[in-house]
Amino acid sequence: MASLGSLISALFNSIKHGTGKETAAIEKEIRKFQQRLQIRTVTAPSYRMIAGKVYGSTMKNASMIAVQTQSNLEEDGDLNNLSSGLRGGLAEGVSNKVKSLKGEFDTYNSAGLG
């Protein structure tokens, strides 16, 4: 990736000596550079912060559900009754959400934004 200074220098040289096509290509590179900079400095940190908050609250909820389910198992002895079954389903839903968030983090990091 070229530096912004070298892109601007190339732009001025193409305006002075080059063709409109060369100038347009360099302007496109400058726009791409600005977009990457915006993603790296503003968008990515914001995304990480939001994803971290969601992940943290999901883990807290999963922990509370696990404690409650364990308590119900100790009291009832099985998951066959309706309330325990519902709690088990809710815990499975939270587990799936955590897996989904992990997938988002992996995708985000593999895109080079992390």
C-alpha atoms as a PDB file:
ATOM      1  CA  MET A   1       0.000   0.000   0.000  1.00  0.00           C
ATOM      2  CA  ALA A   2       1.408   3.374  -1.014  1.00  0.00           C
ATOM      3  CA  SER A   3       1.661   6.233   1.425  1.00  0.00           C
ATOM      4  CA  LEU A   4      -0.728   9.150   1.141  1.00  0.00           C
ATOM      5  CA  GLY A   5       2.179  11.488   0.365  1.00  0.00           C
ATOM      6  CA  SER A   6       3.369   9.388  -2.568  1.00  0.00           C
ATOM      7  CA  LEU A   7      -0.196   9.142  -3.907  1.00  0.00           C
ATOM      8  CA  ILE A   8      -0.640  12.923  -3.743  1.00  0.00           C
ATOM      9  CA  SER A   9       2.736  13.458  -5.409  1.00  0.00           C
ATOM     10  CA  ALA A  10       1.771  11.026  -8.184  1.00  0.00           C
ATOM     11  CA  LEU A  11      -1.559  12.842  -8.575  1.00  0.00           C
ATOM     12  CA  PHE A  12       0.134  16.204  -9.114  1.00  0.00           C
ATOM     13  CA  ASN A  13       2.614  14.674 -11.566  1.00  0.00           C
ATOM     14  CA  SER A  14      -0.200  13.054 -13.547  1.00  0.00           C
ATOM     15  CA  ILE A  15      -2.145  16.319 -13.648  1.00  0.00           C
ATOM     16  CA  LYS A  16       0.954  18.115 -14.932  1.00  0.00           C
ATOM     17  CA  HIS A  17       2.231  15.468 -17.370  1.00  0.00           C
ATOM     18  CA  GLY A  18      -0.203  12.561 -17.555  1.00  0.00           C
ATOM     19  CA  THR A  19      -3.552  11.680 -19.005  1.00  0.00           C
ATOM     20  CA  GLY A  20      -7.012  11.915 -17.519  1.00  0.00           C
ATOM     21  CA  LYS A  21      -7.022   8.135 -17.083  1.00  0.00           C
ATOM     22  CA  GLU A  22      -3.869   8.232 -14.961  1.00  0.00           C
ATOM     23  CA  THR A  23      -5.288  11.050 -12.842  1.00  0.00           C
ATOM     24  CA  ALA A  24      -8.572   9.178 -12.328  1.00  0.00           C
ATOM     25  CA  ALA A  25      -6.699   6.021 -11.308  1.00  0.00           C
ATOM     26  CA  ILE A  26      -4.635   7.912  -8.742  1.00  0.00           C
ATOM     27  CA  GLU A  27      -7.727   9.686  -7.379  1.00  0.00           C
ATOM     28  CA  LYS A  28      -9.333   6.257  -6.980  1.00  0.00           C
ATOM     29  CA  GLU A  29      -6.284   5.031  -5.033  1.00  0.00           C
ATOM     30  CA  ILE A  30      -6.461   8.090  -2.756  1.00  0.00           C
ATOM     31  CA  ARG A  31     -10.156   7.408  -2.062  1.00  0.00           C
ATOM     32  CA  LYS A  32      -9.348   3.758  -1.253  1.00  0.00           C
ATOM     33  CA  PHE A  33      -6.541   4.914   1.054  1.00  0.00           C
ATOM     34  CA  GLN A  34      -8.948   7.269   2.861  1.00  0.00           C
ATOM     35  CA  GLN A  35     -11.560   4.517   3.220  1.00  0.00           C
ATOM     36  CA  ARG A  36      -9.014   2.079   4.688  1.00  0.00           C
ATOM     37  CA  LEU A  37      -7.841   4.786   7.085  1.00  0.00           C
ATOM     38  CA  GLN A  38     -11.448   5.490   8.150  1.00  0.00           C
ATOM     39  CA  ILE A  39     -12.080   1.788   8.776  1.00  0.00           C
ATOM     40  CA  ARG A  40      -8.832   1.319  10.693  1.00  0.00           C
ATOM     41  CA  THR A  41      -9.120   4.419  12.897  1.00  0.00           C
ATOM     42  CA  VAL A  42     -12.877   4.927  13.414  1.00  0.00           C
ATOM     43  CA  THR A  43     -15.084   2.067  12.264  1.00  0.00           C
ATOM     44  CA  ALA A  44     -13.048  -0.893  13.518  1.00  0.00           C
ATOM     45  CA  PRO A  45     -12.520   0.381  17.098  1.00  0.00           C
ATOM     46  CA  SER A  46     -16.214   1.249  17.348  1.00  0.00           C
ATOM     47  CA  TYR A  47     -17.196  -2.221  16.100  1.00  0.00           C
ATOM     48  CA  ARG A  48     -14.835  -3.886  18.592  1.00  0.00           C
ATOM     49  CA  MET A  49     -16.302  -1.863  21.460  1.00  0.00           C
ATOM     50  CA  ILE A  50     -19.917  -2.727  20.573  1.00  0.00           C
ATOM     51  CA  ALA A  51     -19.123  -6.402  19.962  1.00  0.00           C
ATOM     52  CA  GLY A  52     -17.256  -6.571  23.273  1.00  0.00           C
ATOM     53  CA  LYS A  53     -20.227  -5.152  25.182  1.00  0.00           C
ATOM     54  CA  VAL A  54     -22.657  -7.590  23.538  1.00  0.00           C
ATOM     55  CA  TYR A  55     -20.299 -10.512  24.179  1.00  0.00           C
ATOM     56  CA  GLY A  56     -19.887  -9.498  27.835  1.00  0.00           C
ATOM     57  CA  SER A  57     -23.618  -9.210  28.513  1.00  0.00           C
ATOM     58  CA  THR A  58     -24.285 -12.503  26.697  1.00  0.00           C
ATOM     59  CA  MET A  59     -21.689 -14.291  28.829  1.00  0.00           C
ATOM     60  CA  LYS A  60     -23.191 -12.798  32.001  1.00  0.00           C
ATOM     61  CA  ASN A  61     -26.666 -14.011  30.990  1.00  0.00           C
ATOM     62  CA  ALA A  62     -25.314 -17.463  30.136  1.00  0.00           C
ATOM     63  CA  SER A  63     -23.673 -17.700  33.544  1.00  0.00           C
ATOM     64  CA  MET A  64     -26.885 -16.747  35.358  1.00  0.00           C
ATOM     65  CA  ILE A  65     -28.888 -19.287  33.334  1.00  0.00           C
ATOM     66  CA  ALA A  66     -26.338 -22.017  34.069  1.00  0.00           C
ATOM     67  CA  VAL A  67     -26.506 -21.345  37.823  1.00  0.00           C
ATOM     68  CA  GLN A  68     -30.318 -21.362  37.766  1.00  0.00           C
ATOM     69  CA  THR A  69     -30.449 -24.554  35.700  1.00  0.00           C
ATOM     70  CA  GLN A  70     -28.028 -26.277  38.071  1.00  0.00           C
ATOM     71  CA  SER A  71     -30.166 -25.184  41.015  1.00  0.00           C
ATOM     72  CA  ASN A  72     -33.306 -26.547  39.345  1.00  0.00           C
ATOM     73  CA  LEU A  73     -31.586 -29.850  38.587  1.00  0.00           C
ATOM     74  CA  GLU A  74     -30.538 -30.189  42.213  1.00  0.00           C
ATOM     75  CA  GLU A  75     -34.109 -29.491  43.346  1.00  0.00           C
ATOM     76  CA  ASP A  76     -36.019 -31.493  40.717  1.00  0.00           C
ATOM     77  CA  GLY A  77     -33.558 -34.173  39.742  1.00  0.00           C
ATOM     78  CA  ASP A  78     -34.359 -34.031  36.004  1.00  0.00           C
ATOM     79  CA  LEU A  79     -34.998 -31.743  33.055  1.00  0.00           C
ATOM     80  CA  ASN A  80     -38.261 -33.397  32.039  1.00  0.00           C
ATOM     81  CA  ASN A  81     -40.524 -30.818  33.620  1.00  0.00           C
ATOM     82  CA  LEU A  82     -41.491 -27.783  31.589  1.00  0.00           C
ATOM     83  CA  SER A  83     -39.637 -25.058  33.481  1.00  0.00           C
ATOM     84  CA  SER A  84     -36.314 -26.901  33.457  1.00  0.00           C
ATOM     85  CA  GLY A  85     -36.768 -27.764  29.790  1.00  0.00           C
ATOM     86  CA  LEU A  86     -37.397 -24.126  28.941  1.00  0.00           C
ATOM     87  CA  ARG A  87     -34.327 -23.039  30.850  1.00  0.00           C
ATOM     88  CA  GLY A  88     -32.283 -25.672  29.019  1.00  0.00           C
ATOM     89  CA  GLY A  89     -33.562 -24.345  25.693  1.00  0.00           C
ATOM     90  CA  LEU A  90     -32.723 -20.799  26.718  1.00  0.00           C
ATOM     91  CA  ALA A  91     -29.206 -21.852  27.708  1.00  0.00           C
ATOM     92  CA  GLU A  92     -28.814 -23.530  24.308  1.00  0.00           C
ATOM     93  CA  GLY A  93     -29.960 -20.298  22.629  1.00  0.00           C
ATOM     94  CA  VAL A  94     -27.373 -18.297  24.567  1.00  0.00           C
ATOM     95  CA  SER A  95     -24.722 -20.852  23.636  1.00  0.00           C
ATOM     96  CA  ASN A  96     -25.637 -20.459  19.959  1.00  0.00           C
ATOM     97  CA  LYS A  97     -25.440 -16.657  20.318  1.00  0.00           C
ATOM     98  CA  VAL A  98     -21.958 -16.934  21.826  1.00  0.00           C
ATOM     99  CA  LYS A  99     -20.880 -19.174  18.918  1.00  0.00           C
ATOM    100  CA  SER A 100     -22.343 -16.637  16.486  1.00  0.00           C
ATOM    101  CA  LEU A 101     -20.432 -13.785  18.130  1.00  0.00           C
ATOM    102  CA  LYS A 102     -17.233 -15.823  17.993  1.00  0.00           C
ATOM    103  CA  GLY A 103     -17.861 -16.322  14.274  1.00  0.00           C
ATOM    104  CA  GLU A 104     -18.285 -12.566  13.845  1.00  0.00           C
ATOM    105  CA  PHE A 105     -15.019 -11.897  15.703  1.00  0.00           C
ATOM    106  CA  ASP A 106     -13.225 -14.486  13.554  1.00  0.00           C
ATOM    107  CA  THR A 107     -14.628 -12.957  10.355  1.00  0.00           C
ATOM    108  CA  TYR A 108     -13.717  -9.470  11.557  1.00  0.00           C
ATOM    109  CA  ASN A 109     -10.159 -10.495  12.443  1.00  0.00           C
ATOM    110  CA  SER A 110      -9.636 -12.460   9.212  1.00  0.00           C
ATOM    111  CA  ALA A 111     -10.619  -9.335   7.261  1.00  0.00           C
ATOM    112  CA  GLY A 112      -7.582  -7.633   8.802  1.00  0.00           C
ATOM    113  CA  LEU A 113      -9.619  -5.121  10.791  1.00  0.00           C
ATOM    114  CA  GLY A 114      -8.786  -6.430  14.259  1.00  0.00           C
END
